[in-house]
Amino acid sequence: MSDQTKTWLGSRLPIAHNIGNQLSRKPLAANQPYLAALGMLITATLLFLVLSGVVLSAYYVAAEHRAFQSIQLIMRDVNDGWLIRSFHATGTTMLFAAVYLAIFRALVTGSYRLPGELVWSLKLVFLLLMLLVGYLGYAMQDSAVSYWSLHGVVQTGAGLASFPANIFNWVFGGPAGPGTLTRLAVMHGLLTFIALGVLALHYFAKQAITPPAEKTVPLHPYYTSHHFVAAGVYVLLFAVLVFFAPHLGENPLNQAPANPLLVPAVTTPPWYLLPATALTHALPGTNGGIIAFIAAFAVLFGMPWLDRSAPGARPGFLYKLLVVVLALDVIALCLVAAAGPSTINAVLTIVFIGWYFLHFLVLTPLATARELN
C-alpha cells in the first residue's frame, strides 16, 4: 500500500490511528492484579469458541439420530477434527471457569456496590446467557445423557402454563420432535452473539463508573505486557487440558449414543452446569426447580441493595471470609449434584442451598452493616 493510499484511508477511516492512541495514551490505574485481565480473557475465549463453532457447524448435522454420528465423524474421520472439538470443549471449560472466577472476584472486592450495580447486573446477565448457551450445546450432542436431560427440560416446560409453556414448545418441540436439534443449534449461535453484545455493554458501563486514579500508567506497554503474562498462563492451562483432559468434568456415560428406551444410571451434566442442576433439584414439584433457580439469581441481582455498608467502604475481613465460605458451599453443592441422587445427597443439597440463601439474605446485610469508611 502506497503512502498516498495510507494517508487517504487514514483520513477517511482512522481506525488504526484511534486504536494506536488508545494503546499508547489511555491511562489506567497502576498496580492492578492479574485477575484484572479476566475481562480480556473471557472476551478472547468467547471469540475463539465462535470460530471453532463455525468450523464444527460445517460437519455437524442437527437431526435426530444423526447428530451423534456427525460428532463421531468429526472426531474420527475429519482431518484434525478431534483437535477442533477438543478446542471447543476445553474453551467452554475455560470460559466458565473464568466467568465464575470473575463473579467471585466481584463479590470479594465489592465492585457490585453502587454505582456499580449496572456492571454487576450485566455480569449476571452474561452468566445466564452462558448457562443457556452451554446447556444448548450440551443438548445438541444427542448423546445418552444429554438426550434424557433434554427430555426432563421439555417435561418441565410442559408443566408450565400460558406464555412460558408456549416458549418451551416453540424452542424445544419435544425431546425427540422433528427439527428440535436444528432449533437448538440456531438458538445456540444466536445467544452467543447476544452474549458478545452484553460483554460490549459491560465494558462501556465499567468505563463510565471507573474513577480517575491517583497514579496512572499507559495501557501500552505496561498493561499489554501485564495481560500478556496472564494470557500466557491461561493458554498454558488451556493447552494442558486440550491434550490431556479435553473432556474434564463431563459425564463419561455421555460418550454413548442416545437410547430412548434406556435411562443412564447417572444423568449429571458437565461441571459448569452443576450449580444450576443442583438448584433445580432443591424444591419438589414441576415448578420447584424453576422457582429455586429464579430465587438464586434474584438474590444475586439484589446484592447492591442487600449490602448495607457505608458509601465508599471497603469490604471487611468478616465479609470476605463469608464470601470464601460461600464459594466452598457452592463447590460442595456441585460435588453433591455430581454424585447422583440419594437420600444423604438430597439432605446435603438442601443444607448447602439453605446456606446459600442465608449468606445473601441474612449474613451479608449483617456483616456489611458493621463496615465503616
Protein backbone atom coordinates (compact mmCIF):
# COMPACT_ATOMS: atom_id res chain seq x y z
CA MET A 1 0.00 0.00 0.00
CA SER A 2 1.45 3.36 -1.02
CA ASP A 3 1.90 6.29 1.39
CA GLN A 4 -0.72 8.28 -0.52
CA THR A 5 -3.24 5.47 -0.13
CA LYS A 6 -2.45 5.17 3.60
CA THR A 7 -2.94 8.92 4.06
CA TRP A 8 -6.26 8.85 2.20
CA LEU A 9 -7.52 5.80 4.11
CA GLY A 10 -6.37 7.22 7.44
CA SER A 11 -8.25 10.48 6.86
CA ARG A 12 -11.49 8.67 5.91
CA LEU A 13 -11.29 5.65 8.24
CA PRO A 14 -8.97 6.45 11.17
CA ILE A 15 -9.40 3.09 12.90
CA ALA A 16 -5.69 2.29 13.21
CA HIS A 17 -4.93 5.82 14.46
CA ASN A 18 -7.63 5.64 17.14
CA ILE A 19 -6.50 2.19 18.28
CA GLY A 20 -2.92 3.43 18.47
CA ASN A 21 -3.98 6.38 20.62
CA GLN A 22 -5.90 4.07 22.94
CA LEU A 23 -2.91 1.78 23.33
CA SER A 24 -0.31 4.48 23.88
CA ARG A 25 -2.24 7.17 25.78
CA LYS A 26 -5.11 5.52 27.64
CA PRO A 27 -4.36 5.96 31.38
CA LEU A 28 -5.06 3.06 33.73
CA ALA A 29 -4.60 2.66 37.46
CA ALA A 30 -1.23 1.25 38.43
CA ASN A 31 -0.74 -1.99 40.36
CA GLN A 32 -3.88 -3.77 39.18
CA PRO A 33 -3.85 -7.53 39.94
CA TYR A 34 -3.52 -10.13 37.22
CA LEU A 35 -7.18 -11.02 37.71
CA ALA A 36 -7.96 -7.66 36.12
CA ALA A 37 -7.22 -9.43 32.82
CA LEU A 38 -10.26 -11.70 33.24
CA GLY A 39 -12.42 -9.49 31.02
CA MET A 40 -9.92 -9.72 28.17
CA LEU A 41 -9.56 -13.48 28.63
CA ILE A 42 -13.33 -14.05 28.68
CA THR A 43 -13.82 -11.99 25.51
CA ALA A 44 -10.96 -13.73 23.70
CA THR A 45 -12.22 -17.18 24.73
CA LEU A 46 -15.75 -16.44 23.58
CA LEU A 47 -14.49 -15.24 20.19
CA PHE A 48 -12.36 -18.39 19.96
CA LEU A 49 -15.44 -20.52 20.69
CA VAL A 50 -17.33 -18.71 17.94
CA LEU A 51 -14.58 -19.53 15.43
CA SER A 52 -14.26 -23.17 16.46
CA GLY A 53 -18.06 -23.48 16.50
CA VAL A 54 -18.25 -22.21 12.92
CA VAL A 55 -15.77 -24.90 11.85
CA LEU A 56 -17.70 -27.63 13.70
CA SER A 57 -21.00 -26.46 12.21
CA ALA A 58 -19.66 -27.32 8.75
CA TYR A 59 -19.81 -31.02 9.71
CA TYR A 60 -22.46 -31.13 12.44
CA VAL A 61 -25.87 -32.49 11.40
CA ALA A 62 -28.67 -31.11 13.59
CA ALA A 63 -31.06 -34.02 13.14
CA GLU A 64 -32.37 -36.74 15.38
CA HIS A 65 -30.25 -39.94 15.36
CA ARG A 66 -27.70 -38.19 13.14
CA ALA A 67 -26.21 -35.56 15.43
CA PHE A 68 -24.23 -38.06 17.48
CA GLN A 69 -22.94 -39.79 14.34
CA SER A 70 -21.83 -36.45 12.88
CA ILE A 71 -19.85 -35.71 16.04
CA GLN A 72 -18.17 -39.12 15.78
CA LEU A 73 -17.37 -38.29 12.14
CA ILE A 74 -15.68 -35.07 13.28
CA MET A 75 -13.69 -36.90 15.94
CA ARG A 76 -12.61 -39.89 13.82
CA ASP A 77 -12.64 -39.06 10.11
CA VAL A 78 -12.26 -35.30 9.61
CA ASN A 79 -8.65 -34.18 9.43
CA ASP A 80 -7.78 -32.67 12.83
CA GLY A 81 -11.46 -32.76 13.71
CA TRP A 82 -10.66 -34.20 17.12
CA LEU A 83 -8.45 -31.19 17.80
CA ILE A 84 -11.11 -28.65 16.83
CA ARG A 85 -13.70 -30.37 19.01
CA SER A 86 -11.23 -30.56 21.89
CA PHE A 87 -10.57 -26.85 21.40
CA HIS A 88 -14.31 -26.17 21.63
CA ALA A 89 -14.88 -28.39 24.67
CA THR A 90 -11.85 -27.07 26.54
CA GLY A 91 -12.69 -23.49 25.58
CA THR A 92 -16.10 -23.97 27.18
CA THR A 93 -14.46 -25.24 30.37
CA MET A 94 -12.02 -22.32 30.48
CA LEU A 95 -14.73 -19.78 29.71
CA PHE A 96 -16.98 -20.92 32.55
CA ALA A 97 -14.03 -21.11 34.93
CA ALA A 98 -13.12 -17.50 34.09
CA VAL A 99 -16.73 -16.30 34.40
CA TYR A 100 -17.24 -17.98 37.79
CA LEU A 101 -13.91 -16.53 38.95
CA ALA A 102 -14.97 -13.05 37.79
CA ILE A 103 -18.24 -13.34 39.74
CA PHE A 104 -16.33 -14.46 42.84
CA ARG A 105 -13.85 -11.59 42.46
CA ALA A 106 -16.68 -9.07 42.16
CA LEU A 107 -18.19 -10.39 45.39
CA VAL A 108 -14.88 -10.30 47.26
CA THR A 109 -13.93 -6.80 46.13
CA GLY A 110 -17.46 -5.39 46.48
CA SER A 111 -17.44 -4.00 42.94
CA TYR A 112 -21.19 -4.69 42.73
CA ARG A 113 -21.81 -1.80 45.16
CA LEU A 114 -23.34 1.43 43.97
CA PRO A 115 -22.63 2.88 41.41
CA GLY A 116 -21.51 -0.49 40.01
CA GLU A 117 -24.95 -2.10 40.08
CA LEU A 118 -25.36 -1.98 36.29
CA VAL A 119 -21.94 -3.57 35.70
CA TRP A 120 -22.82 -6.28 38.22
CA SER A 121 -26.20 -6.89 36.58
CA LEU A 122 -24.58 -7.22 33.15
CA LYS A 123 -22.15 -9.79 34.62
CA LEU A 124 -25.11 -11.84 35.82
CA VAL A 125 -26.95 -11.49 32.51
CA PHE A 126 -23.83 -12.75 30.75
CA LEU A 127 -23.65 -15.70 33.16
CA LEU A 128 -27.30 -16.54 32.49
CA LEU A 129 -26.70 -16.42 28.74
CA MET A 130 -23.62 -18.62 29.07
CA LEU A 131 -25.53 -21.18 31.14
CA LEU A 132 -28.21 -21.32 28.46
CA VAL A 133 -25.69 -21.46 25.61
CA GLY A 134 -23.71 -24.14 27.43
CA TYR A 135 -26.81 -26.23 28.03
CA LEU A 136 -27.93 -25.93 24.39
CA GLY A 137 -24.50 -27.06 23.22
CA TYR A 138 -24.68 -29.97 25.65
CA ALA A 139 -28.15 -30.98 24.44
CA MET A 140 -27.07 -30.74 20.79
CA GLN A 141 -24.79 -33.75 21.26
CA ASP A 142 -27.84 -36.06 21.24
CA SER A 143 -25.94 -38.44 23.49
CA ALA A 144 -27.15 -40.89 26.11
CA VAL A 145 -27.21 -38.39 29.00
CA SER A 146 -27.94 -35.16 27.14
CA TYR A 147 -30.97 -36.76 25.45
CA TRP A 148 -32.61 -37.55 28.78
CA SER A 149 -31.61 -34.17 30.18
CA LEU A 150 -33.43 -32.53 27.29
CA HIS A 151 -36.36 -34.86 27.91
CA GLY A 152 -36.55 -33.65 31.52
CA VAL A 153 -36.37 -29.97 30.50
CA VAL A 154 -39.19 -30.42 28.00
CA GLN A 155 -41.33 -32.24 30.55
CA THR A 156 -40.75 -29.38 32.98
CA GLY A 157 -41.78 -26.88 30.31
CA ALA A 158 -44.89 -28.87 29.54
CA GLY A 159 -45.94 -28.46 33.16
CA LEU A 160 -45.90 -24.67 32.88
CA ALA A 161 -48.89 -22.62 31.86
CA SER A 162 -49.64 -19.87 29.37
CA PHE A 163 -46.77 -17.95 27.74
CA PRO A 164 -43.77 -19.77 29.35
CA ALA A 165 -45.17 -23.10 28.15
CA ASN A 166 -45.51 -21.71 24.61
CA ILE A 167 -41.85 -20.63 24.64
CA PHE A 168 -40.76 -24.14 25.62
CA ASN A 169 -42.86 -25.63 22.83
CA TRP A 170 -41.56 -23.19 20.23
CA VAL A 171 -37.89 -23.79 21.12
CA PHE A 172 -37.81 -27.46 22.04
CA GLY A 173 -40.89 -29.01 20.45
CA GLY A 174 -40.42 -32.23 22.41
CA PRO A 175 -37.27 -34.20 23.34
CA ALA A 176 -37.28 -36.05 20.03
CA GLY A 177 -39.50 -33.80 17.96
CA PRO A 178 -38.72 -33.04 14.32
CA GLY A 179 -36.39 -30.10 13.98
CA THR A 180 -35.65 -29.86 17.70
CA LEU A 181 -31.87 -30.03 17.33
CA THR A 182 -32.00 -27.54 14.48
CA ARG A 183 -33.81 -25.05 16.70
CA LEU A 184 -31.31 -25.68 19.48
CA ALA A 185 -28.40 -25.03 17.08
CA VAL A 186 -29.95 -21.75 15.92
CA MET A 187 -30.55 -20.60 19.49
CA HIS A 188 -27.03 -21.71 20.46
CA GLY A 189 -25.46 -19.44 17.85
CA LEU A 190 -27.88 -16.53 18.31
CA LEU A 191 -27.46 -16.36 22.09
CA THR A 192 -23.67 -16.47 21.69
CA PHE A 193 -23.73 -13.28 19.63
CA ILE A 194 -26.12 -11.68 22.12
CA ALA A 195 -23.61 -12.57 24.85
CA LEU A 196 -20.90 -10.74 22.88
CA GLY A 197 -23.16 -7.68 22.83
CA VAL A 198 -23.63 -7.93 26.60
CA LEU A 199 -19.84 -8.06 27.01
CA ALA A 200 -19.55 -4.83 24.98
CA LEU A 201 -22.20 -3.13 27.15
CA HIS A 202 -20.36 -4.35 30.26
CA TYR A 203 -17.13 -2.77 29.02
CA PHE A 204 -18.69 0.63 28.33
CA ALA A 205 -20.66 0.58 31.59
CA LYS A 206 -17.48 -0.17 33.52
CA GLN A 207 -15.62 2.64 31.79
CA ALA A 208 -18.37 5.07 32.75
CA ILE A 209 -18.07 4.44 36.51
CA THR A 210 -14.30 3.96 36.82
CA PRO A 211 -12.99 6.89 38.89
CA PRO A 212 -9.73 8.59 37.90
CA ALA A 213 -6.77 7.01 39.67
CA GLU A 214 -4.16 8.97 41.59
CA LYS A 215 -1.33 7.12 39.89
CA THR A 216 -1.83 6.04 36.29
CA VAL A 217 0.21 4.25 33.66
CA PRO A 218 -0.41 3.90 29.90
CA LEU A 219 -2.08 0.78 28.59
CA HIS A 220 0.96 0.10 26.42
CA PRO A 221 3.49 -1.16 27.28
CA TYR A 222 2.60 -1.59 30.98
CA TYR A 223 -0.72 -3.40 30.74
CA THR A 224 -0.21 -5.05 27.37
CA SER A 225 2.75 -6.91 28.90
CA HIS A 226 0.73 -7.43 32.11
CA HIS A 227 -2.13 -9.04 30.16
CA PHE A 228 0.34 -10.97 28.03
CA VAL A 229 1.63 -12.77 31.13
CA ALA A 230 -1.93 -13.54 32.29
CA ALA A 231 -2.83 -14.79 28.81
CA GLY A 232 0.32 -16.94 28.73
CA VAL A 233 -0.67 -18.76 31.92
CA TYR A 234 -4.24 -19.08 30.64
CA VAL A 235 -3.12 -20.54 27.30
CA LEU A 236 -0.78 -22.96 29.07
CA LEU A 237 -3.66 -24.33 31.17
CA PHE A 238 -5.76 -24.44 28.01
CA ALA A 239 -3.13 -26.49 26.17
CA VAL A 240 -2.74 -28.94 29.06
CA LEU A 241 -6.48 -29.58 29.13
CA VAL A 242 -6.75 -29.89 25.34
CA PHE A 243 -4.11 -32.60 25.07
CA PHE A 244 -4.51 -34.39 28.39
CA ALA A 245 -8.09 -33.83 29.65
CA PRO A 246 -10.32 -32.43 26.87
CA HIS A 247 -13.46 -33.88 28.48
CA LEU A 248 -12.70 -32.81 32.03
CA GLY A 249 -15.83 -32.63 34.15
CA GLU A 250 -18.07 -34.41 31.64
CA ASN A 251 -20.18 -37.47 32.34
CA PRO A 252 -18.40 -40.47 30.72
CA LEU A 253 -21.79 -42.10 30.06
CA ASN A 254 -22.48 -39.30 27.59
CA GLN A 255 -19.99 -40.83 25.15
CA ALA A 256 -22.68 -43.30 24.03
CA PRO A 257 -25.50 -42.52 21.57
CA ALA A 258 -28.97 -41.64 22.81
CA ASN A 259 -31.29 -44.52 23.60
CA PRO A 260 -34.97 -43.59 24.10
CA LEU A 261 -35.57 -46.90 25.89
CA LEU A 262 -32.67 -46.74 28.37
CA VAL A 263 -32.08 -44.07 31.02
CA PRO A 264 -28.41 -43.85 32.12
CA ALA A 265 -27.66 -44.67 35.75
CA VAL A 266 -26.15 -41.20 36.34
CA THR A 267 -27.53 -38.22 34.43
CA THR A 268 -25.29 -35.43 35.69
CA PRO A 269 -24.39 -32.69 33.17
CA PRO A 270 -20.92 -31.15 32.65
CA TRP A 271 -19.38 -29.48 35.69
CA TYR A 272 -20.22 -25.93 34.61
CA LEU A 273 -23.96 -26.74 34.66
CA LEU A 274 -23.89 -28.44 38.07
CA PRO A 275 -24.84 -25.30 40.10
CA ALA A 276 -27.97 -24.81 38.02
CA THR A 277 -28.75 -28.54 38.13
CA ALA A 278 -28.49 -28.61 41.93
CA LEU A 279 -30.83 -25.64 42.21
CA THR A 280 -33.44 -27.30 40.01
CA HIS A 281 -33.49 -30.24 42.45
CA ALA A 282 -33.84 -28.06 45.52
CA LEU A 283 -37.64 -27.95 45.70
CA PRO A 284 -40.12 -30.70 44.85
CA GLY A 285 -42.66 -30.49 42.06
CA THR A 286 -42.50 -29.39 38.44
CA ASN A 287 -42.16 -25.70 39.23
CA GLY A 288 -40.00 -26.10 42.35
CA GLY A 289 -36.71 -26.18 40.48
CA ILE A 290 -37.65 -23.16 38.37
CA ILE A 291 -38.60 -21.18 41.47
CA ALA A 292 -35.32 -22.09 43.19
CA PHE A 293 -33.28 -21.11 40.13
CA ILE A 294 -35.05 -17.74 39.78
CA ALA A 295 -34.69 -17.06 43.51
CA ALA A 296 -30.97 -17.87 43.43
CA PHE A 297 -30.33 -15.30 40.71
CA ALA A 298 -32.75 -12.81 42.28
CA VAL A 299 -30.61 -12.58 45.42
CA LEU A 300 -27.52 -12.12 43.25
CA PHE A 301 -29.16 -9.27 41.34
CA GLY A 302 -30.20 -7.78 44.68
CA MET A 303 -26.67 -7.71 46.14
CA PRO A 304 -26.15 -3.93 45.61
CA TRP A 305 -29.14 -3.34 47.88
CA LEU A 306 -28.64 -6.23 50.30
CA ASP A 307 -25.20 -4.82 51.05
CA ARG A 308 -25.62 -2.37 53.98
CA SER A 309 -22.07 -0.98 54.06
CA ALA A 310 -21.43 2.75 54.19
CA PRO A 311 -20.77 4.52 50.86
CA GLY A 312 -17.13 4.13 49.88
CA ALA A 313 -16.41 1.48 52.49
CA ARG A 314 -14.04 -1.34 51.64
CA PRO A 315 -15.10 -4.95 52.23
CA GLY A 316 -14.04 -6.07 55.69
CA PHE A 317 -12.35 -9.28 56.75
CA LEU A 318 -15.57 -10.88 58.03
CA TYR A 319 -17.38 -10.22 54.77
CA LYS A 320 -14.50 -11.63 52.69
CA LEU A 321 -14.38 -14.71 54.90
CA LEU A 322 -18.09 -15.26 54.35
CA VAL A 323 -17.62 -15.00 50.57
CA VAL A 324 -14.88 -17.65 50.71
CA VAL A 325 -17.22 -19.88 52.74
CA LEU A 326 -19.92 -19.25 50.12
CA ALA A 327 -17.53 -20.38 47.36
CA LEU A 328 -16.78 -23.57 49.27
CA ASP A 329 -20.51 -24.08 49.79
CA VAL A 330 -21.18 -23.82 46.03
CA ILE A 331 -18.31 -26.22 45.26
CA ALA A 332 -19.69 -28.72 47.79
CA LEU A 333 -23.14 -28.33 46.24
CA CYS A 334 -21.71 -29.16 42.81
CA LEU A 335 -19.91 -32.24 44.17
CA VAL A 336 -23.16 -33.47 45.71
CA ALA A 337 -25.01 -32.90 42.44
CA ALA A 338 -22.30 -34.79 40.53
CA ALA A 339 -22.56 -37.76 42.93
CA GLY A 340 -26.08 -38.57 41.80
CA PRO A 341 -29.39 -38.94 43.66
CA SER A 342 -29.50 -40.48 47.13
CA THR A 343 -31.11 -39.71 50.49
CA ILE A 344 -27.98 -38.23 52.03
CA ASN A 345 -27.25 -36.17 48.91
CA ALA A 346 -30.79 -34.80 48.94
CA VAL A 347 -30.32 -33.67 52.56
CA LEU A 348 -26.91 -32.14 51.80
CA THR A 349 -28.36 -30.32 48.79
CA ILE A 350 -30.98 -28.68 50.98
CA VAL A 351 -28.33 -27.75 53.58
CA PHE A 352 -25.96 -26.20 51.05
CA ILE A 353 -28.72 -24.31 49.23
CA GLY A 354 -30.04 -23.13 52.59
CA TRP A 355 -26.61 -21.71 53.42
CA TYR A 356 -26.53 -20.00 50.00
CA PHE A 357 -29.71 -18.06 50.72
CA LEU A 358 -28.69 -17.47 54.34
CA HIS A 359 -25.47 -15.88 53.13
CA PHE A 360 -27.19 -13.34 50.90
CA LEU A 361 -30.37 -12.62 52.85
CA VAL A 362 -29.02 -12.64 56.43
CA LEU A 363 -25.23 -12.81 56.76
CA THR A 364 -24.35 -10.25 54.06
CA PRO A 365 -26.59 -7.46 55.47
CA LEU A 366 -25.32 -8.15 58.99
CA ALA A 367 -21.63 -8.29 58.06
CA THR A 368 -21.67 -5.24 55.76
CA ALA A 369 -23.67 -3.11 58.21
CA ARG A 370 -20.60 -3.15 60.50
CA GLU A 371 -18.25 -1.79 57.85
CA LEU A 372 -17.07 1.80 58.19
CA ASN A 373 -15.38 4.17 55.81
